Amino acid sequence: MKKIMSRDEKEKKEKRDRIVIGSVLIAILVFSTAGFAFFSVINLDKGEEREYNGIKFVVRGDGLWHFLINGQEFSTAYNPEQTKNISIEGEINLQNYYKKPLYFSHDSDEQGVSEIVRNIERYAERVQLACIEQCEENLPVKSCEDNVIIIKAGNETLIKQENNCIYILGEQNELIRAGDAFIFKLLGI
């Protein structure tokens, strides 16, 4: 038989149960966060390392190469050694994008776009997709008078500048590597 409880006893029991369950959940959250932080630090120390032009590149648990320049962290899929054979034509300079709108146009996978945005959006006034000359989508139409990075699939992997347009060209599987070469050139690596 079940013991009959008064309302006060029932409320105390429910309150105690909520406190126990809440405490257990909080403990799980705290320990899982601490464990993740602890093991992430361990993974940082065990990652592959390279030095290029005096800058240390380290692969972390996310598989990206992380590096610091002037106290700011950047991350790329490739390191500079892996992109050095990509031809770059033009005067590519970070000052061209500082506190100015930056537009992207692409006809391929957006990974090349996200790779560049992840690293240089902090310098631009804003980052936005756009079309060059004509547009079937509901995007602004821009020209090479604006700061536009155009990522296109092509037979040859290269980066070239025409006015304020940067063309990042390459086979579909090479566009991220070309985007990283652009980032390294932009950052002066």
Foldseek 3Di string as FASTA:
>chain_A
DDDDDDPVVVVVVVVVVVVVVVVVVVVVVVVVVVVVVVVQVVQQVVFDWDADPNWIWGQGPVCWTWTDDPRDIATANDDCVLQVVAAEADQAELVLAAQAEEEEAEDADCPLVCNLCRGNVVRHVHYYYADDPDDPDPHHYDYLCGQYEYEYEDDGAHWYDDRNYIYGYYHRVCSRSSSVNSVCSHSVD
